[in-house]
């Protein structure tokens, strides 16, 4: 984990680039995952960004993109939106692995705070 906010990858916004050639997720998949995270898991995203993303004072986090190596967020800190990238534990290539990695991140964030993770419903 970087622990510091930094610029997200350009392909996270669904805009192809030369660097995307080796990325397993197309723009539709990225948009669908971000939409799901933002609609159904906004609190989890905020917890992950506060704990693993080096933004303990964040008040809001929204997923903006992802690739095989991590997930990108726009995080509000002191009224200013900053980009934060949370790397995956390993490079992934299958859509189902995205969920497993986000669940792992959530569990790691809860462990860091000394609380149990929320059970998926």
Protein backbone atom coordinates (compact mmCIF):
# COMPACT_ATOMS: atom_id res chain seq x y z
CA UNK A 1 0.00 0.00 0.00
CA UNK A 2 1.31 3.40 -0.83
CA UNK A 3 -0.28 5.26 2.04
CA UNK A 4 -0.19 8.42 -0.05
CA UNK A 5 -2.67 9.91 -2.51
CA UNK A 6 -1.43 9.93 -6.07
CA UNK A 7 -2.62 10.19 -9.65
CA UNK A 8 -4.89 7.39 -10.86
CA UNK A 9 -4.13 5.48 -14.02
CA UNK A 10 -5.60 7.15 -17.10
CA UNK A 11 -7.43 4.04 -18.22
CA UNK A 12 -9.51 4.02 -15.03
CA UNK A 13 -11.74 6.66 -16.57
CA UNK A 14 -12.52 4.36 -19.46
CA UNK A 15 -10.21 6.18 -21.87
CA UNK A 16 -7.95 3.77 -23.71
CA UNK A 17 -4.25 4.46 -23.94
CA UNK A 18 -1.21 2.59 -25.22
CA UNK A 19 -0.61 1.35 -21.67
CA UNK A 20 -3.99 -0.42 -21.70
CA UNK A 21 -2.90 -3.10 -24.15
CA UNK A 22 -2.07 -5.53 -21.32
CA UNK A 23 -5.05 -4.67 -19.11
CA UNK A 24 -7.74 -7.33 -18.72
CA UNK A 25 -10.73 -5.07 -18.03
CA UNK A 26 -12.58 -3.16 -20.74
CA UNK A 27 -14.19 0.24 -20.19
CA UNK A 28 -17.67 -1.26 -19.66
CA UNK A 29 -16.37 -3.51 -16.88
CA UNK A 30 -14.56 -0.63 -15.20
CA UNK A 31 -17.68 1.57 -15.34
CA UNK A 32 -19.88 -1.24 -13.99
CA UNK A 33 -17.55 -1.98 -11.07
CA UNK A 34 -17.23 1.71 -10.19
CA UNK A 35 -21.00 2.22 -10.42
CA UNK A 36 -21.55 -0.78 -8.11
CA UNK A 37 -18.91 0.37 -5.61
CA UNK A 38 -20.32 3.89 -5.51
CA UNK A 39 -23.97 2.84 -5.28
CA UNK A 40 -23.68 -0.11 -2.90
CA UNK A 41 -20.35 0.19 -1.08
CA UNK A 42 -19.64 3.89 -0.55
CA UNK A 43 -18.99 3.42 3.19
CA UNK A 44 -16.64 0.51 2.51
CA UNK A 45 -14.74 2.59 -0.07
CA UNK A 46 -14.39 5.42 2.43
CA UNK A 47 -13.08 3.03 5.09
CA UNK A 48 -10.56 1.56 2.64
CA UNK A 49 -9.34 5.01 1.57
CA UNK A 50 -9.11 6.29 5.14
CA UNK A 51 -7.18 3.25 6.35
CA UNK A 52 -5.21 1.91 3.39
CA UNK A 53 -5.08 5.01 1.22
CA UNK A 54 -3.41 7.36 3.66
CA UNK A 55 -6.44 9.66 3.98
CA UNK A 56 -7.67 9.28 7.58
CA UNK A 57 -9.57 12.59 7.37
CA UNK A 58 -11.47 11.74 4.20
CA UNK A 59 -15.19 12.46 4.27
CA UNK A 60 -16.15 10.84 0.97
CA UNK A 61 -14.66 8.37 -1.51
CA UNK A 62 -15.87 7.31 -4.92
CA UNK A 63 -14.36 4.70 -7.19
CA UNK A 64 -13.17 6.21 -10.46
CA UNK A 65 -11.30 3.36 -12.15
CA UNK A 66 -9.32 0.18 -11.86
CA UNK A 67 -6.90 -2.00 -13.70
CA UNK A 68 -5.06 -5.27 -13.11
CA UNK A 69 -2.92 -3.68 -10.39
CA UNK A 70 -5.27 -1.56 -8.28
CA UNK A 71 -8.36 0.56 -7.84
CA UNK A 72 -8.58 4.35 -8.11
CA UNK A 73 -10.71 6.65 -5.98
CA UNK A 74 -11.52 10.33 -5.80
CA UNK A 75 -11.44 11.19 -2.09
CA UNK A 76 -12.69 14.36 -0.40
CA UNK A 77 -10.27 15.69 2.23
CA UNK A 78 -10.91 19.11 3.76
CA UNK A 79 -13.34 19.88 0.95
CA UNK A 80 -10.78 19.12 -1.76
CA UNK A 81 -11.04 16.05 -3.97
CA UNK A 82 -7.76 14.16 -4.32
CA UNK A 83 -6.95 11.01 -6.29
CA UNK A 84 -5.99 7.91 -4.33
CA UNK A 85 -4.85 4.59 -5.73
CA UNK A 86 -5.02 1.44 -3.64
CA UNK A 87 -2.91 -1.36 -5.12
CA UNK A 88 -4.19 -4.92 -5.18
CA UNK A 89 -2.18 -7.53 -3.28
CA UNK A 90 -1.33 -9.12 -6.61
CA UNK A 91 -1.99 -8.52 -10.29
CA UNK A 92 -5.46 -9.75 -11.27
CA UNK A 93 -6.91 -10.76 -14.62
CA UNK A 94 -10.46 -11.99 -13.99
CA UNK A 95 -13.52 -9.92 -13.10
CA UNK A 96 -14.35 -12.19 -10.15
CA UNK A 97 -10.96 -11.37 -8.65
CA UNK A 98 -11.95 -7.72 -8.34
CA UNK A 99 -14.55 -8.56 -5.69
CA UNK A 100 -12.13 -10.80 -3.81
CA UNK A 101 -9.51 -8.04 -3.74
CA UNK A 102 -11.97 -5.38 -2.57
CA UNK A 103 -13.23 -7.72 0.16
CA UNK A 104 -9.61 -8.37 1.18
CA UNK A 105 -8.97 -4.61 1.32
CA UNK A 106 -12.07 -4.09 3.46
CA UNK A 107 -11.01 -6.86 5.84
CA UNK A 108 -7.49 -5.41 6.04
CA UNK A 109 -8.92 -1.96 6.79
CA UNK A 110 -11.15 -3.37 9.53
CA UNK A 111 -8.22 -5.29 11.02
CA UNK A 112 -6.17 -2.08 11.08
CA UNK A 113 -8.94 -0.42 13.08
CA UNK A 114 -9.40 -3.41 15.38
CA UNK A 115 -12.96 -4.15 14.32
CA UNK A 116 -14.66 -7.03 12.56
CA UNK A 117 -15.46 -6.68 8.85
CA UNK A 118 -19.07 -6.23 7.79
CA UNK A 119 -20.60 -9.47 6.52
CA UNK A 120 -21.51 -9.47 2.83
CA UNK A 121 -25.26 -9.79 2.40
